[in-house]
Amino acid sequence: MITSSQSDVVRVGVRDAIREIIACEPPADDETALFHDLRIAGDDAWELMDGIVKRFPIDATGFDFSQFFPSEGDTAPYWLLRLTGLHKRYKRLTVAHITEVARRGKWFEPSGGI
């Protein structure tokens, strides 16, 4: 069982990893989505997820990157296609969810949809 202080360490660690990618303080709202709100995508998203897995002992079995983030080459076309409604829809991956994954040490699908 994770204690409250350990839980705080996990939350701070996840937020630190996000800060390293976006080069500024992440929003205080843990329901902020990594791609949809912070625009973390492609190589940056890969680097973020890799950094979190290295910081915390997470079994990432079942995590499908392409369900949550566009690849590096698809980022610009995504924003253009979004204007027309022809874009691929990505699942929301929030700061709260990735923090809970780090706490549990195992990937699980977020509740909710796209």
C-alpha atoms as a PDB file:
ATOM      1  CA  MET A   1       0.000   0.000   0.000  1.00  0.00           C
ATOM      2  CA  ILE A   2       1.332   3.437  -0.926  1.00  0.00           C
ATOM      3  CA  THR A   3       1.362   5.963   1.869  1.00  0.00           C
ATOM      4  CA  SER A   4       0.215   9.550   1.450  1.00  0.00           C
ATOM      5  CA  SER A   5       3.806  10.831   1.354  1.00  0.00           C
ATOM      6  CA  GLN A   6       4.767   8.222  -1.274  1.00  0.00           C
ATOM      7  CA  SER A   7       1.700   9.234  -3.279  1.00  0.00           C
ATOM      8  CA  ASP A   8       2.863  12.852  -3.175  1.00  0.00           C
ATOM      9  CA  VAL A   9       6.304  11.780  -4.411  1.00  0.00           C
ATOM     10  CA  VAL A  10       4.697   9.998  -7.371  1.00  0.00           C
ATOM     11  CA  ARG A  11       2.549  13.021  -8.243  1.00  0.00           C
ATOM     12  CA  VAL A  12       5.543  15.357  -8.045  1.00  0.00           C
ATOM     13  CA  GLY A  13       7.641  12.945 -10.134  1.00  0.00           C
ATOM     14  CA  VAL A  14       5.026  12.753 -12.886  1.00  0.00           C
ATOM     15  CA  ARG A  15       4.623  16.529 -12.910  1.00  0.00           C
ATOM     16  CA  ASP A  16       8.437  16.920 -13.050  1.00  0.00           C
ATOM     17  CA  ALA A  17       8.564  14.625 -16.090  1.00  0.00           C
ATOM     18  CA  ILE A  18       5.859  16.720 -17.785  1.00  0.00           C
ATOM     19  CA  ARG A  19       7.678  19.944 -16.891  1.00  0.00           C
ATOM     20  CA  GLU A  20      10.847  18.625 -18.561  1.00  0.00           C
ATOM     21  CA  ILE A  21       8.921  18.081 -21.810  1.00  0.00           C
ATOM     22  CA  ILE A  22       6.843  21.269 -21.945  1.00  0.00           C
ATOM     23  CA  ALA A  23       9.567  23.479 -20.399  1.00  0.00           C
ATOM     24  CA  CYS A  24       7.155  25.228 -18.040  1.00  0.00           C
ATOM     25  CA  GLU A  25       4.992  24.474 -15.015  1.00  0.00           C
ATOM     26  CA  PRO A  26       2.190  22.026 -15.854  1.00  0.00           C
ATOM     27  CA  PRO A  27      -1.345  23.198 -15.068  1.00  0.00           C
ATOM     28  CA  ALA A  28      -2.518  22.466 -11.528  1.00  0.00           C
ATOM     29  CA  ASP A  29      -5.585  20.636 -12.822  1.00  0.00           C
ATOM     30  CA  ASP A  30      -4.854  16.909 -12.835  1.00  0.00           C
ATOM     31  CA  GLU A  31      -7.621  16.375 -15.410  1.00  0.00           C
ATOM     32  CA  THR A  32      -5.453  18.131 -17.983  1.00  0.00           C
ATOM     33  CA  ALA A  33      -4.925  15.805 -20.962  1.00  0.00           C
ATOM     34  CA  LEU A  34      -1.362  15.328 -22.176  1.00  0.00           C
ATOM     35  CA  PHE A  35      -2.160  15.541 -25.900  1.00  0.00           C
ATOM     36  CA  HIS A  36      -5.511  17.321 -26.053  1.00  0.00           C
ATOM     37  CA  ASP A  37      -4.657  20.135 -23.633  1.00  0.00           C
ATOM     38  CA  LEU A  38      -0.855  20.292 -23.383  1.00  0.00           C
ATOM     39  CA  ARG A  39      -0.267  19.357 -27.041  1.00  0.00           C
ATOM     40  CA  ILE A  40       2.377  16.783 -26.111  1.00  0.00           C
ATOM     41  CA  ALA A  41       2.711  14.505 -29.152  1.00  0.00           C
ATOM     42  CA  GLY A  42       5.152  12.559 -31.280  1.00  0.00           C
ATOM     43  CA  ASP A  43       8.702  12.218 -29.997  1.00  0.00           C
ATOM     44  CA  ASP A  44       7.958  14.434 -26.994  1.00  0.00           C
ATOM     45  CA  ALA A  45       5.115  12.147 -25.924  1.00  0.00           C
ATOM     46  CA  TRP A  46       7.327   9.096 -26.392  1.00  0.00           C
ATOM     47  CA  GLU A  47      10.091  10.727 -24.342  1.00  0.00           C
ATOM     48  CA  LEU A  48       7.594  11.648 -21.603  1.00  0.00           C
ATOM     49  CA  MET A  49       6.131   8.162 -21.323  1.00  0.00           C
ATOM     50  CA  ASP A  50       9.577   6.570 -21.456  1.00  0.00           C
ATOM     51  CA  GLY A  51      10.795   8.926 -18.711  1.00  0.00           C
ATOM     52  CA  ILE A  52       7.845   8.107 -16.463  1.00  0.00           C
ATOM     53  CA  VAL A  53       8.339   4.362 -16.938  1.00  0.00           C
ATOM     54  CA  LYS A  54      12.034   4.760 -16.085  1.00  0.00           C
ATOM     55  CA  ARG A  55      11.275   6.884 -12.995  1.00  0.00           C
ATOM     56  CA  PHE A  56       8.706   4.466 -11.614  1.00  0.00           C
ATOM     57  CA  PRO A  57       8.591   0.673 -11.869  1.00  0.00           C
ATOM     58  CA  ILE A  58       5.630   0.468 -14.272  1.00  0.00           C
ATOM     59  CA  ASP A  59       4.535  -2.602 -16.181  1.00  0.00           C
ATOM     60  CA  ALA A  60       3.439  -0.919 -19.421  1.00  0.00           C
ATOM     61  CA  THR A  61       2.062  -4.105 -20.981  1.00  0.00           C
ATOM     62  CA  GLY A  62      -1.032  -3.214 -22.975  1.00  0.00           C
ATOM     63  CA  PHE A  63      -0.196   0.480 -23.405  1.00  0.00           C
ATOM     64  CA  ASP A  64      -0.771   1.425 -27.052  1.00  0.00           C
ATOM     65  CA  PHE A  65       0.937   4.747 -27.737  1.00  0.00           C
ATOM     66  CA  SER A  66      -0.973   5.263 -30.994  1.00  0.00           C
ATOM     67  CA  GLN A  67      -4.312   5.298 -29.145  1.00  0.00           C
ATOM     68  CA  PHE A  68      -3.294   8.393 -27.145  1.00  0.00           C
ATOM     69  CA  PHE A  69      -0.769  10.332 -29.228  1.00  0.00           C
ATOM     70  CA  PRO A  70      -0.100  11.025 -32.907  1.00  0.00           C
ATOM     71  CA  SER A  71       3.340  10.124 -34.207  1.00  0.00           C
ATOM     72  CA  GLU A  72       5.845  12.881 -34.940  1.00  0.00           C
ATOM     73  CA  GLY A  73       4.945  13.000 -38.647  1.00  0.00           C
ATOM     74  CA  ASP A  74       1.205  13.063 -37.990  1.00  0.00           C
ATOM     75  CA  THR A  75       1.150  16.008 -35.581  1.00  0.00           C
ATOM     76  CA  ALA A  76       0.867  18.889 -38.079  1.00  0.00           C
ATOM     77  CA  PRO A  77      -1.634  17.085 -40.354  1.00  0.00           C
ATOM     78  CA  TYR A  78      -3.744  16.270 -37.276  1.00  0.00           C
ATOM     79  CA  TRP A  79      -4.306  19.945 -36.467  1.00  0.00           C
ATOM     80  CA  LEU A  80      -5.135  20.747 -40.093  1.00  0.00           C
ATOM     81  CA  LEU A  81      -7.496  17.782 -40.464  1.00  0.00           C
ATOM     82  CA  ARG A  82      -9.125  18.633 -37.150  1.00  0.00           C
ATOM     83  CA  LEU A  83     -10.506  21.784 -38.764  1.00  0.00           C
ATOM     84  CA  THR A  84     -12.382  19.617 -41.264  1.00  0.00           C
ATOM     85  CA  GLY A  85     -13.465  16.932 -38.798  1.00  0.00           C
ATOM     86  CA  LEU A  86     -11.492  14.279 -40.692  1.00  0.00           C
ATOM     87  CA  HIS A  87      -8.861  13.755 -38.011  1.00  0.00           C
ATOM     88  CA  LYS A  88      -8.169  10.573 -36.064  1.00  0.00           C
ATOM     89  CA  ARG A  89      -9.584  10.728 -32.563  1.00  0.00           C
ATOM     90  CA  TYR A  90      -7.156   9.999 -29.724  1.00  0.00           C
ATOM     91  CA  LYS A  91      -8.110   8.815 -26.264  1.00  0.00           C
ATOM     92  CA  ARG A  92      -7.594  11.328 -23.453  1.00  0.00           C
ATOM     93  CA  LEU A  93      -4.676  10.544 -21.157  1.00  0.00           C
ATOM     94  CA  THR A  94      -4.741  12.863 -18.173  1.00  0.00           C
ATOM     95  CA  VAL A  95      -2.133  13.829 -15.630  1.00  0.00           C
ATOM     96  CA  ALA A  96      -4.340  12.168 -12.992  1.00  0.00           C
ATOM     97  CA  HIS A  97      -4.483   8.890 -14.896  1.00  0.00           C
ATOM     98  CA  ILE A  98      -0.767   8.645 -15.603  1.00  0.00           C
ATOM     99  CA  THR A  99      -0.110   9.506 -11.946  1.00  0.00           C
ATOM    100  CA  GLU A 100      -2.401   6.663 -10.860  1.00  0.00           C
ATOM    101  CA  VAL A 101      -0.634   4.297 -13.277  1.00  0.00           C
ATOM    102  CA  ALA A 102       2.680   5.269 -11.660  1.00  0.00           C
ATOM    103  CA  ARG A 103       1.206   4.718  -8.181  1.00  0.00           C
ATOM    104  CA  ARG A 104      -0.135   1.262  -9.083  1.00  0.00           C
ATOM    105  CA  GLY A 105       2.957   0.296 -11.053  1.00  0.00           C
ATOM    106  CA  LYS A 106       0.864  -1.155 -13.900  1.00  0.00           C
ATOM    107  CA  TRP A 107      -0.793   0.278 -16.976  1.00  0.00           C
ATOM    108  CA  PHE A 108      -4.593   0.221 -17.084  1.00  0.00           C
ATOM    109  CA  GLU A 109      -6.949   1.859 -19.551  1.00  0.00           C
ATOM    110  CA  PRO A 110      -8.468   5.173 -18.546  1.00  0.00           C
ATOM    111  CA  SER A 111     -12.214   5.299 -18.099  1.00  0.00           C
ATOM    112  CA  GLY A 112     -14.097   7.494 -20.490  1.00  0.00           C
ATOM    113  CA  GLY A 113     -13.847   7.802 -24.193  1.00  0.00           C
ATOM    114  CA  ILE A 114     -12.211   9.845 -26.820  1.00  0.00           C
END
